[in-house]
Amino acid sequence: YGVQEYHRPETLAAAVVLLRDLPGARPLAGGTDLLVASREKGSP
């Protein structure tokens, strides 16, 4: 669904650094809303 980069940190510290350093990065939890919006609502 338009994803070009995928990161899977193993600590909270690593996760927040990634979100700081990657402009426009989105946190992914279960994906039951985010991936639907990416595919069907024009929010890649």
PDB file of all heavy atoms in Angstrom:
ATOM      1  N   TYR A   1       0.814  -1.210   0.000  1.00  0.00           N
ATOM      2  CA  TYR A   1       0.000   0.000   0.000  1.00  0.00           C
ATOM      3  C   TYR A   1       0.850   1.262   0.000  1.00  0.00           C
ATOM      4  O   TYR A   1       0.611   2.208   0.749  1.00  0.00           O
ATOM      5  CB  TYR A   1      -0.966   0.016   1.188  1.00  0.00           C
ATOM      6  CG  TYR A   1      -1.728  -1.256   1.377  1.00  0.00           C
ATOM      7  CD1 TYR A   1      -1.871  -1.813   2.637  1.00  0.00           C
ATOM      8  CD2 TYR A   1      -2.294  -1.917   0.293  1.00  0.00           C
ATOM      9  CE1 TYR A   1      -2.566  -3.003   2.815  1.00  0.00           C
ATOM     10  CE2 TYR A   1      -2.993  -3.105   0.459  1.00  0.00           C
ATOM     11  CZ  TYR A   1      -3.124  -3.642   1.720  1.00  0.00           C
ATOM     12  OH  TYR A   1      -3.813  -4.816   1.891  1.00  0.00           O
ATOM     13  N   GLY A   2       1.889   1.324  -0.826  1.00  0.00           N
ATOM     14  CA  GLY A   2       2.696   2.527  -0.958  1.00  0.00           C
ATOM     15  C   GLY A   2       3.832   2.644   0.025  1.00  0.00           C
ATOM     16  O   GLY A   2       4.565   3.641   0.010  1.00  0.00           O
ATOM     17  N   VAL A   3       4.056   1.665   0.893  1.00  0.00           N
ATOM     18  CA  VAL A   3       5.134   1.728   1.869  1.00  0.00           C
ATOM     19  C   VAL A   3       6.478   1.518   1.165  1.00  0.00           C
ATOM     20  O   VAL A   3       6.672   0.557   0.432  1.00  0.00           O
ATOM     21  CB  VAL A   3       4.951   0.672   2.971  1.00  0.00           C
ATOM     22  CG1 VAL A   3       6.156   0.667   3.911  1.00  0.00           C
ATOM     23  CG2 VAL A   3       3.675   0.943   3.746  1.00  0.00           C
ATOM     24  N   GLN A   4       7.409   2.442   1.403  1.00  0.00           N
ATOM     25  CA  GLN A   4       8.744   2.348   0.810  1.00  0.00           C
ATOM     26  C   GLN A   4       9.804   1.959   1.835  1.00  0.00           C
ATOM     27  O   GLN A   4      10.832   1.379   1.481  1.00  0.00           O
ATOM     28  CB  GLN A   4       9.099   3.686   0.165  1.00  0.00           C
ATOM     29  CG  GLN A   4       8.148   4.076  -0.960  1.00  0.00           C
ATOM     30  CD  GLN A   4       8.402   5.480  -1.462  1.00  0.00           C
ATOM     31  OE1 GLN A   4       9.430   6.092  -1.179  1.00  0.00           O
ATOM     32  NE2 GLN A   4       7.450   6.018  -2.214  1.00  0.00           N
ATOM     33  N   GLU A   5       9.586   2.320   3.103  1.00  0.00           N
ATOM     34  CA  GLU A   5      10.518   1.961   4.176  1.00  0.00           C
ATOM     35  C   GLU A   5       9.733   1.330   5.320  1.00  0.00           C
ATOM     36  O   GLU A   5       8.646   1.796   5.666  1.00  0.00           O
ATOM     37  CB  GLU A   5      11.253   3.184   4.708  1.00  0.00           C
ATOM     38  CG  GLU A   5      12.301   3.753   3.804  1.00  0.00           C
ATOM     39  CD  GLU A   5      13.094   4.842   4.522  1.00  0.00           C
ATOM     40  OE1 GLU A   5      13.624   4.574   5.630  1.00  0.00           O
ATOM     41  OE2 GLU A   5      13.166   5.952   3.983  1.00  0.00           O
ATOM     42  N   TYR A   6      10.300   0.287   5.899  1.00  0.00           N
ATOM     43  CA  TYR A   6       9.668  -0.399   7.027  1.00  0.00           C
ATOM     44  C   TYR A   6      10.720  -0.649   8.087  1.00  0.00           C
ATOM     45  O   TYR A   6      11.786  -1.206   7.800  1.00  0.00           O
ATOM     46  CB  TYR A   6       9.054  -1.723   6.564  1.00  0.00           C
ATOM     47  CG  TYR A   6       8.536  -2.599   7.676  1.00  0.00           C
ATOM     48  CD1 TYR A   6       7.277  -2.401   8.227  1.00  0.00           C
ATOM     49  CD2 TYR A   6       9.323  -3.638   8.180  1.00  0.00           C
ATOM     50  CE1 TYR A   6       6.804  -3.216   9.252  1.00  0.00           C
ATOM     51  CE2 TYR A   6       8.863  -4.460   9.203  1.00  0.00           C
ATOM     52  CZ  TYR A   6       7.603  -4.242   9.732  1.00  0.00           C
ATOM     53  OH  TYR A   6       7.139  -5.041  10.746  1.00  0.00           O
ATOM     54  N   HIS A   7      10.431  -0.236   9.321  1.00  0.00           N
ATOM     55  CA  HIS A   7      11.364  -0.417  10.431  1.00  0.00           C
ATOM     56  C   HIS A   7      10.621  -1.089  11.580  1.00  0.00           C
ATOM     57  O   HIS A   7       9.464  -0.770  11.856  1.00  0.00           O
ATOM     58  CB  HIS A   7      11.920   0.931  10.897  1.00  0.00           C
ATOM     59  CG  HIS A   7      12.626   1.691   9.824  1.00  0.00           C
ATOM     60  ND1 HIS A   7      13.985   1.587   9.589  1.00  0.00           N
ATOM     61  CD2 HIS A   7      12.160   2.574   8.894  1.00  0.00           C
ATOM     62  CE1 HIS A   7      14.319   2.369   8.578  1.00  0.00           C
ATOM     63  NE2 HIS A   7      13.229   2.979   8.135  1.00  0.00           N
ATOM     64  N   ARG A   8      11.314  -2.002  12.267  1.00  0.00           N
ATOM     65  CA  ARG A   8      10.720  -2.700  13.407  1.00  0.00           C
ATOM     66  C   ARG A   8      11.679  -2.615  14.596  1.00  0.00           C
ATOM     67  O   ARG A   8      12.465  -3.536  14.846  1.00  0.00           O
ATOM     68  CB  ARG A   8      10.407  -4.151  13.061  1.00  0.00           C
ATOM     69  CG  ARG A   8       9.629  -4.915  14.143  1.00  0.00           C
ATOM     70  CD  ARG A   8       9.418  -6.359  13.743  1.00  0.00           C
ATOM     71  NE  ARG A   8       8.900  -7.169  14.819  1.00  0.00           N
ATOM     72  CZ  ARG A   8       7.605  -7.452  15.004  1.00  0.00           C
ATOM     73  NH1 ARG A   8       6.707  -6.979  14.149  1.00  0.00           N
ATOM     74  NH2 ARG A   8       7.228  -8.195  16.021  1.00  0.00           N
ATOM     75  N   PRO A   9      11.628  -1.528  15.346  1.00  0.00           N
ATOM     76  CA  PRO A   9      12.520  -1.383  16.507  1.00  0.00           C
ATOM     77  C   PRO A   9      12.131  -2.367  17.616  1.00  0.00           C
ATOM     78  O   PRO A   9      10.988  -2.813  17.698  1.00  0.00           O
ATOM     79  CB  PRO A   9      12.288   0.061  16.945  1.00  0.00           C
ATOM     80  CG  PRO A   9      10.905   0.377  16.477  1.00  0.00           C
ATOM     81  CD  PRO A   9      10.743  -0.358  15.182  1.00  0.00           C
ATOM     82  N   GLU A  10      13.098  -2.646  18.489  1.00  0.00           N
ATOM     83  CA  GLU A  10      12.875  -3.582  19.594  1.00  0.00           C
ATOM     84  C   GLU A  10      12.847  -2.892  20.951  1.00  0.00           C
ATOM     85  O   GLU A  10      12.629  -3.548  21.972  1.00  0.00           O
ATOM     86  CB  GLU A  10      13.947  -4.674  19.571  1.00  0.00           C
ATOM     87  CG  GLU A  10      13.880  -5.533  18.317  1.00  0.00           C
ATOM     88  CD  GLU A  10      14.913  -6.641  18.320  1.00  0.00           C
ATOM     89  OE1 GLU A  10      15.747  -6.679  19.262  1.00  0.00           O
ATOM     90  OE2 GLU A  10      14.893  -7.473  17.399  1.00  0.00           O
ATOM     91  N   THR A  11      13.070  -1.585  20.976  1.00  0.00           N
ATOM     92  CA  THR A  11      12.997  -0.827  22.222  1.00  0.00           C
ATOM     93  C   THR A  11      12.248   0.474  21.962  1.00  0.00           C
ATOM     94  O   THR A  11      12.195   0.976  20.826  1.00  0.00           O
ATOM     95  CB  THR A  11      14.386  -0.489  22.776  1.00  0.00           C
ATOM     96  OG1 THR A  11      15.044   0.411  21.875  1.00  0.00           O
ATOM     97  CG2 THR A  11      15.231  -1.747  22.952  1.00  0.00           C
ATOM     98  N   LEU A  12      11.693   1.033  23.041  1.00  0.00           N
ATOM     99  CA  LEU A  12      11.016   2.327  22.928  1.00  0.00           C
ATOM    100  C   LEU A  12      11.996   3.415  22.525  1.00  0.00           C
ATOM    101  O   LEU A  12      11.674   4.283  21.695  1.00  0.00           O
ATOM    102  CB  LEU A  12      10.343   2.664  24.253  1.00  0.00           C
ATOM    103  CG  LEU A  12       9.632   4.018  24.329  1.00  0.00           C
ATOM    104  CD1 LEU A  12       8.540   4.126  23.277  1.00  0.00           C
ATOM    105  CD2 LEU A  12       9.069   4.238  25.732  1.00  0.00           C
ATOM    106  N   ALA A  13      13.198   3.382  23.087  1.00  0.00           N
ATOM    107  CA  ALA A  13      14.208   4.396  22.749  1.00  0.00           C
ATOM    108  C   ALA A  13      14.497   4.399  21.252  1.00  0.00           C
ATOM    109  O   ALA A  13      14.610   5.464  20.620  1.00  0.00           O
ATOM    110  CB  ALA A  13      15.485   4.147  23.548  1.00  0.00           C
ATOM    111  N   ALA A  14      14.625   3.222  20.662  1.00  0.00           N
ATOM    112  CA  ALA A  14      14.897   3.138  19.230  1.00  0.00           C
ATOM    113  C   ALA A  14      13.703   3.627  18.417  1.00  0.00           C
ATOM    114  O   ALA A  14      13.871   4.285  17.381  1.00  0.00           O
ATOM    115  CB  ALA A  14      15.249   1.701  18.852  1.00  0.00           C
ATOM    116  N   ALA A  15      12.505   3.332  18.882  1.00  0.00           N
ATOM    117  CA  ALA A  15      11.306   3.733  18.146  1.00  0.00           C
ATOM    118  C   ALA A  15      11.177   5.253  18.071  1.00  0.00           C
ATOM    119  O   ALA A  15      10.906   5.813  17.001  1.00  0.00           O
ATOM    120  CB  ALA A  15      10.068   3.125  18.801  1.00  0.00           C
ATOM    121  N   VAL A  16      11.379   5.943  19.188  1.00  0.00           N
ATOM    122  CA  VAL A  16      11.197   7.399  19.168  1.00  0.00           C
ATOM    123  C   VAL A  16      12.307   8.083  18.381  1.00  0.00           C
ATOM    124  O   VAL A  16      12.081   9.134  17.766  1.00  0.00           O
ATOM    125  CB  VAL A  16      11.083   7.964  20.604  1.00  0.00           C
ATOM    126  CG1 VAL A  16       9.818   7.451  21.279  1.00  0.00           C
ATOM    127  CG2 VAL A  16      12.312   7.648  21.448  1.00  0.00           C
ATOM    128  N   VAL A  17      13.515   7.504  18.363  1.00  0.00           N
ATOM    129  CA  VAL A  17      14.588   8.071  17.544  1.00  0.00           C
ATOM    130  C   VAL A  17      14.253   7.933  16.067  1.00  0.00           C
ATOM    131  O   VAL A  17      14.469   8.864  15.268  1.00  0.00           O
ATOM    132  CB  VAL A  17      15.933   7.397  17.878  1.00  0.00           C
ATOM    133  CG1 VAL A  17      16.983   7.750  16.827  1.00  0.00           C
ATOM    134  CG2 VAL A  17      16.402   7.824  19.261  1.00  0.00           C
ATOM    135  N   LEU A  18      13.723   6.790  15.660  1.00  0.00           N
ATOM    136  CA  LEU A  18      13.317   6.610  14.268  1.00  0.00           C
ATOM    137  C   LEU A  18      12.255   7.628  13.866  1.00  0.00           C
ATOM    138  O   LEU A  18      12.327   8.227  12.779  1.00  0.00           O
ATOM    139  CB  LEU A  18      12.785   5.188  14.052  1.00  0.00           C
ATOM    140  CG  LEU A  18      13.824   4.077  13.944  1.00  0.00           C
ATOM    141  CD1 LEU A  18      13.146   2.713  14.035  1.00  0.00           C
ATOM    142  CD2 LEU A  18      14.602   4.192  12.631  1.00  0.00           C
ATOM    143  N   LEU A  19      11.273   7.833  14.740  1.00  0.00           N
ATOM    144  CA  LEU A  19      10.211   8.795  14.419  1.00  0.00           C
ATOM    145  C   LEU A  19      10.747  10.211  14.359  1.00  0.00           C
ATOM    146  O   LEU A  19      10.229  11.042  13.610  1.00  0.00           O
ATOM    147  CB  LEU A  19       9.086   8.680  15.446  1.00  0.00           C
ATOM    148  CG  LEU A  19       8.256   7.404  15.343  1.00  0.00           C
ATOM    149  CD1 LEU A  19       7.330   7.264  16.542  1.00  0.00           C
ATOM    150  CD2 LEU A  19       7.428   7.393  14.059  1.00  0.00           C
ATOM    151  N   ARG A  20      11.772  10.497  15.135  1.00  0.00           N
ATOM    152  CA  ARG A  20      12.399  11.828  15.074  1.00  0.00           C
ATOM    153  C   ARG A  20      13.199  12.009  13.791  1.00  0.00           C
ATOM    154  O   ARG A  20      13.160  13.082  13.155  1.00  0.00           O
ATOM    155  CB  ARG A  20      13.328  12.020  16.283  1.00  0.00           C
ATOM    156  CG  ARG A  20      14.029  13.377  16.329  1.00  0.00           C
ATOM    157  CD  ARG A  20      15.167  13.358  17.322  1.00  0.00           C
ATOM    158  NE  ARG A  20      16.226  12.417  16.910  1.00  0.00           N
ATOM    159  CZ  ARG A  20      17.242  12.052  17.695  1.00  0.00           C
ATOM    160  NH1 ARG A  20      17.325  12.516  18.928  1.00  0.00           N
ATOM    161  NH2 ARG A  20      18.163  11.211  17.237  1.00  0.00           N
ATOM    162  N   ASP A  21      13.899  10.975  13.382  1.00  0.00           N
ATOM    163  CA  ASP A  21      14.858  11.103  12.284  1.00  0.00           C
ATOM    164  C   ASP A  21      14.275  10.822  10.908  1.00  0.00           C
ATOM    165  O   ASP A  21      14.947  11.088   9.897  1.00  0.00           O
ATOM    166  CB  ASP A  21      16.046  10.165  12.524  1.00  0.00           C
ATOM    167  CG  ASP A  21      16.860  10.552  13.747  1.00  0.00           C
ATOM    168  OD1 ASP A  21      16.694  11.705  14.221  1.00  0.00           O
ATOM    169  OD2 ASP A  21      17.636   9.713  14.233  1.00  0.00           O
ATOM    170  N   LEU A  22      13.058  10.268  10.850  1.00  0.00           N
ATOM    171  CA  LEU A  22      12.454   9.933   9.556  1.00  0.00           C
ATOM    172  C   LEU A  22      11.219  10.817   9.342  1.00  0.00           C
ATOM    173  O   LEU A  22      10.134  10.502   9.829  1.00  0.00           O
ATOM    174  CB  LEU A  22      12.069   8.451   9.518  1.00  0.00           C
ATOM    175  CG  LEU A  22      13.219   7.451   9.666  1.00  0.00           C
ATOM    176  CD1 LEU A  22      12.671   6.029   9.818  1.00  0.00           C
ATOM    177  CD2 LEU A  22      14.156   7.537   8.464  1.00  0.00           C
ATOM    178  N   PRO A  23      11.366  11.923   8.633  1.00  0.00           N
ATOM    179  CA  PRO A  23      10.224  12.829   8.425  1.00  0.00           C
ATOM    180  C   PRO A  23       9.053  12.095   7.760  1.00  0.00           C
ATOM    181  O   PRO A  23       9.230  11.368   6.782  1.00  0.00           O
ATOM    182  CB  PRO A  23      10.795  13.911   7.499  1.00  0.00           C
ATOM    183  CG  PRO A  23      12.276  13.860   7.726  1.00  0.00           C
ATOM    184  CD  PRO A  23      12.588  12.435   8.011  1.00  0.00           C
ATOM    185  N   GLY A  24       7.876  12.289   8.324  1.00  0.00           N
ATOM    186  CA  GLY A  24       6.675  11.674   7.756  1.00  0.00           C
ATOM    187  C   GLY A  24       6.453  10.239   8.144  1.00  0.00           C
ATOM    188  O   GLY A  24       5.467   9.617   7.717  1.00  0.00           O
ATOM    189  N   ALA A  25       7.339   9.665   8.957  1.00  0.00           N
ATOM    190  CA  ALA A  25       7.165   8.279   9.382  1.00  0.00           C
ATOM    191  C   ALA A  25       5.922   8.149  10.254  1.00  0.00           C
ATOM    192  O   ALA A  25       5.593   9.037  11.038  1.00  0.00           O
ATOM    193  CB  ALA A  25       8.387   7.800  10.145  1.00  0.00           C
ATOM    194  N   ARG A  26       5.230   7.026  10.111  1.00  0.00           N
ATOM    195  CA  ARG A  26       4.024   6.770  10.890  1.00  0.00           C
ATOM    196  C   ARG A  26       4.232   5.556  11.783  1.00  0.00           C
ATOM    197  O   ARG A  26       4.715   4.520  11.320  1.00  0.00           O
ATOM    198  CB  ARG A  26       2.823   6.510   9.958  1.00  0.00           C
ATOM    199  CG  ARG A  26       2.437   7.679   9.065  1.00  0.00           C
ATOM    200  CD  ARG A  26       1.700   8.757   9.834  1.00  0.00           C
ATOM    201  NE  ARG A  26       0.477   8.251  10.444  1.00  0.00           N
ATOM    202  CZ  ARG A  26      -0.691   8.151   9.800  1.00  0.00           C
ATOM    203  NH1 ARG A  26      -0.790   8.499   8.527  1.00  0.00           N
ATOM    204  NH2 ARG A  26      -1.762   7.707  10.443  1.00  0.00           N
ATOM    205  N   PRO A  27       3.863   5.652  13.054  1.00  0.00           N
ATOM    206  CA  PRO A  27       3.918   4.463  13.906  1.00  0.00           C
ATOM    207  C   PRO A  27       2.828   3.475  13.513  1.00  0.00           C
ATOM    208  O   PRO A  27       1.696   3.865  13.221  1.00  0.00           O
ATOM    209  CB  PRO A  27       3.692   5.023  15.315  1.00  0.00           C
ATOM    210  CG  PRO A  27       2.973   6.316  15.114  1.00  0.00           C
ATOM    211  CD  PRO A  27       3.421   6.847  13.783  1.00  0.00           C
ATOM    212  N   LEU A  28       3.158   2.203  13.514  1.00  0.00           N
ATOM    213  CA  LEU A  28       2.223   1.143  13.160  1.00  0.00           C
ATOM    214  C   LEU A  28       1.951   0.294  14.394  1.00  0.00           C
ATOM    215  O   LEU A  28       2.874  -0.274  14.976  1.00  0.00           O
ATOM    216  CB  LEU A  28       2.812   0.276  12.043  1.00  0.00           C
ATOM    217  CG  LEU A  28       2.014  -0.978  11.660  1.00  0.00           C
ATOM    218  CD1 LEU A  28       0.682  -0.604  11.020  1.00  0.00           C
ATOM    219  CD2 LEU A  28       2.827  -1.857  10.706  1.00  0.00           C
ATOM    220  N   ALA A  29       0.685   0.232  14.789  1.00  0.00           N
ATOM    221  CA  ALA A  29       0.285  -0.630  15.907  1.00  0.00           C
ATOM    222  C   ALA A  29      -0.286  -1.910  15.310  1.00  0.00           C
ATOM    223  O   ALA A  29       0.426  -2.699  14.704  1.00  0.00           O
ATOM    224  CB  ALA A  29      -0.708   0.098  16.801  1.00  0.00           C
ATOM    225  N   GLY A  30      -1.602  -2.127  15.434  1.00  0.00           N
ATOM    226  CA  GLY A  30      -2.195  -3.310  14.823  1.00  0.00           C
ATOM    227  C   GLY A  30      -2.364  -3.188  13.317  1.00  0.00           C
ATOM    228  O   GLY A  30      -2.414  -4.178  12.593  1.00  0.00           O
ATOM    229  N   GLY A  31      -2.479  -1.942  12.835  1.00  0.00           N
ATOM    230  CA  GLY A  31      -2.638  -1.703  11.406  1.00  0.00           C
ATOM    231  C   GLY A  31      -4.053  -1.823  10.897  1.00  0.00           C
ATOM    232  O   GLY A  31      -4.303  -1.638   9.697  1.00  0.00           O
ATOM    233  N   THR A  32      -5.021  -2.105  11.789  1.00  0.00           N
ATOM    234  CA  THR A  32      -6.390  -2.349  11.322  1.00  0.00           C
ATOM    235  C   THR A  32      -7.067  -1.077  10.830  1.00  0.00           C
ATOM    236  O   THR A  32      -8.038  -1.158  10.077  1.00  0.00           O
ATOM    237  CB  THR A  32      -7.243  -2.981  12.437  1.00  0.00           C
ATOM    238  OG1 THR A  32      -7.241  -2.128  13.589  1.00  0.00           O
ATOM    239  CG2 THR A  32      -6.684  -4.336  12.821  1.00  0.00           C
ATOM    240  N   ASP A  33      -6.579   0.085  11.231  1.00  0.00           N
ATOM    241  CA  ASP A  33      -7.081   1.354  10.695  1.00  0.00           C
ATOM    242  C   ASP A  33      -6.097   1.963   9.706  1.00  0.00           C
ATOM    243  O   ASP A  33      -6.481   2.394   8.624  1.00  0.00           O
ATOM    244  CB  ASP A  33      -7.336   2.357  11.833  1.00  0.00           C
ATOM    245  CG  ASP A  33      -8.529   1.988  12.684  1.00  0.00           C
ATOM    246  OD1 ASP A  33      -9.581   1.657  12.108  1.00  0.00           O
ATOM    247  OD2 ASP A  33      -8.415   2.029  13.914  1.00  0.00           O
ATOM    248  N   LEU A  34      -4.821   1.986  10.078  1.00  0.00           N
ATOM    249  CA  LEU A  34      -3.818   2.666   9.261  1.00  0.00           C
ATOM    250  C   LEU A  34      -3.685   2.067   7.873  1.00  0.00           C
ATOM    251  O   LEU A  34      -3.659   2.781   6.864  1.00  0.00           O
ATOM    252  CB  LEU A  34      -2.471   2.632   9.984  1.00  0.00           C
ATOM    253  CG  LEU A  34      -1.298   3.306   9.271  1.00  0.00           C
ATOM    254  CD1 LEU A  34      -1.554   4.790   9.110  1.00  0.00           C
ATOM    255  CD2 LEU A  34      -0.006   3.064  10.054  1.00  0.00           C
ATOM    256  N   LEU A  35      -3.616   0.753   7.781  1.00  0.00           N
ATOM    257  CA  LEU A  35      -3.421   0.127   6.473  1.00  0.00           C
ATOM    258  C   LEU A  35      -4.680   0.211   5.613  1.00  0.00           C
ATOM    259  O   LEU A  35      -4.596   0.331   4.388  1.00  0.00           O
ATOM    260  CB  LEU A  35      -2.986  -1.323   6.643  1.00  0.00           C
ATOM    261  CG  LEU A  35      -1.624  -1.517   7.325  1.00  0.00           C
ATOM    262  CD1 LEU A  35      -1.259  -2.988   7.392  1.00  0.00           C
ATOM    263  CD2 LEU A  35      -0.538  -0.727   6.607  1.00  0.00           C
ATOM    264  N   VAL A  36      -5.846   0.186   6.249  1.00  0.00           N
ATOM    265  CA  VAL A  36      -7.084   0.383   5.483  1.00  0.00           C
ATOM    266  C   VAL A  36      -7.128   1.793   4.906  1.00  0.00           C
ATOM    267  O   VAL A  36      -7.485   1.996   3.743  1.00  0.00           O
ATOM    268  CB  VAL A  36      -8.318   0.110   6.373  1.00  0.00           C
ATOM    269  CG1 VAL A  36      -9.597   0.538   5.658  1.00  0.00           C
ATOM    270  CG2 VAL A  36      -8.392  -1.363   6.733  1.00  0.00           C
ATOM    271  N   ALA A  37      -6.755   2.784   5.723  1.00  0.00           N
ATOM    272  CA  ALA A  37      -6.734   4.157   5.237  1.00  0.00           C
ATOM    273  C   ALA A  37      -5.734   4.323   4.112  1.00  0.00           C
ATOM    274  O   ALA A  37      -5.985   5.038   3.125  1.00  0.00           O
ATOM    275  CB  ALA A  37      -6.401   5.107   6.385  1.00  0.00           C
ATOM    276  N   SER A  38      -4.598   3.646   4.206  1.00  0.00           N
ATOM    277  CA  SER A  38      -3.585   3.721   3.162  1.00  0.00           C
ATOM    278  C   SER A  38      -4.085   3.141   1.848  1.00  0.00           C
ATOM    279  O   SER A  38      -3.853   3.689   0.774  1.00  0.00           O
ATOM    280  CB  SER A  38      -2.327   2.984   3.622  1.00  0.00           C
ATOM    281  OG  SER A  38      -1.349   2.964   2.609  1.00  0.00           O
ATOM    282  N   ARG A  39      -4.826   2.040   1.946  1.00  0.00           N
ATOM    283  CA  ARG A  39      -5.272   1.346   0.739  1.00  0.00           C
ATOM    284  C   ARG A  39      -6.523   1.964   0.129  1.00  0.00           C
ATOM    285  O   ARG A  39      -6.626   2.111  -1.090  1.00  0.00           O
ATOM    286  CB  ARG A  39      -5.544  -0.120   1.063  1.00  0.00           C
ATOM    287  CG  ARG A  39      -5.975  -0.959  -0.133  1.00  0.00           C
ATOM    288  CD  ARG A  39      -6.270  -2.378   0.288  1.00  0.00           C
ATOM    289  NE  ARG A  39      -7.359  -2.421   1.253  1.00  0.00           N
ATOM    290  CZ  ARG A  39      -7.732  -3.529   1.897  1.00  0.00           C
ATOM    291  NH1 ARG A  39      -7.069  -4.661   1.715  1.00  0.00           N
ATOM    292  NH2 ARG A  39      -8.735  -3.507   2.738  1.00  0.00           N
ATOM    293  N   GLU A  40      -7.467   2.366   0.986  1.00  0.00           N
ATOM    294  CA  GLU A  40      -8.793   2.725   0.487  1.00  0.00           C
ATOM    295  C   GLU A  40      -9.126   4.212   0.557  1.00  0.00           C
ATOM    296  O   GLU A  40     -10.045   4.657  -0.110  1.00  0.00           O
ATOM    297  CB  GLU A  40      -9.863   1.948   1.269  1.00  0.00           C
ATOM    298  CG  GLU A  40      -9.758   0.438   1.100  1.00  0.00           C
ATOM    299  CD  GLU A  40     -10.830  -0.303   1.879  1.00  0.00           C
ATOM    300  OE1 GLU A  40     -11.626   0.365   2.567  1.00  0.00           O
ATOM    301  OE2 GLU A  40     -10.882  -1.544   1.768  1.00  0.00           O
ATOM    302  N   LYS A  41      -8.406   4.970   1.363  1.00  0.00           N
ATOM    303  CA  LYS A  41      -8.785   6.363   1.573  1.00  0.00           C
ATOM    304  C   LYS A  41      -7.760   7.364   1.059  1.00  0.00           C
ATOM    305  O   LYS A  41      -7.800   8.539   1.391  1.00  0.00           O
ATOM    306  CB  LYS A  41      -9.035   6.602   3.071  1.00  0.00           C
ATOM    307  CG  LYS A  41     -10.161   5.742   3.635  1.00  0.00           C
ATOM    308  CD  LYS A  41     -10.382   6.019   5.107  1.00  0.00           C
ATOM    309  CE  LYS A  41     -11.492   5.130   5.666  1.00  0.00           C
ATOM    310  NZ  LYS A  41     -11.722   5.379   7.116  1.00  0.00           N
ATOM    311  N   GLY A  42      -6.813   6.884   0.274  1.00  0.00           N
ATOM    312  CA  GLY A  42      -5.844   7.796  -0.320  1.00  0.00           C
ATOM    313  C   GLY A  42      -4.891   8.412   0.677  1.00  0.00           C
ATOM    314  O   GLY A  42      -4.505   9.568   0.526  1.00  0.00           O
ATOM    315  N   SER A  43      -4.519   7.653   1.725  1.00  0.00           N
ATOM    316  CA  SER A  43      -3.595   8.163   2.738  1.00  0.00           C
ATOM    317  C   SER A  43      -2.360   7.277   2.788  1.00  0.00           C
ATOM    318  O   SER A  43      -2.136   6.558   3.761  1.00  0.00           O
ATOM    319  CB  SER A  43      -4.277   8.206   4.116  1.00  0.00           C
ATOM    320  OG  SER A  43      -5.441   8.995   4.083  1.00  0.00           O
ATOM    321  N   PRO A  44      -1.533   7.296   1.739  1.00  0.00           N
ATOM    322  CA  PRO A  44      -0.381   6.390   1.703  1.00  0.00           C
ATOM    323  C   PRO A  44       0.638   6.726   2.788  1.00  0.00           C
ATOM    324  O   PRO A  44       0.824   7.884   3.167  1.00  0.00           O
ATOM    325  CB  PRO A  44       0.197   6.629   0.306  1.00  0.00           C
ATOM    326  CG  PRO A  44      -0.258   7.999  -0.063  1.00  0.00           C
ATOM    327  CD  PRO A  44      -1.603   8.172   0.560  1.00  0.00           C
TER     328      PRO A  44
END
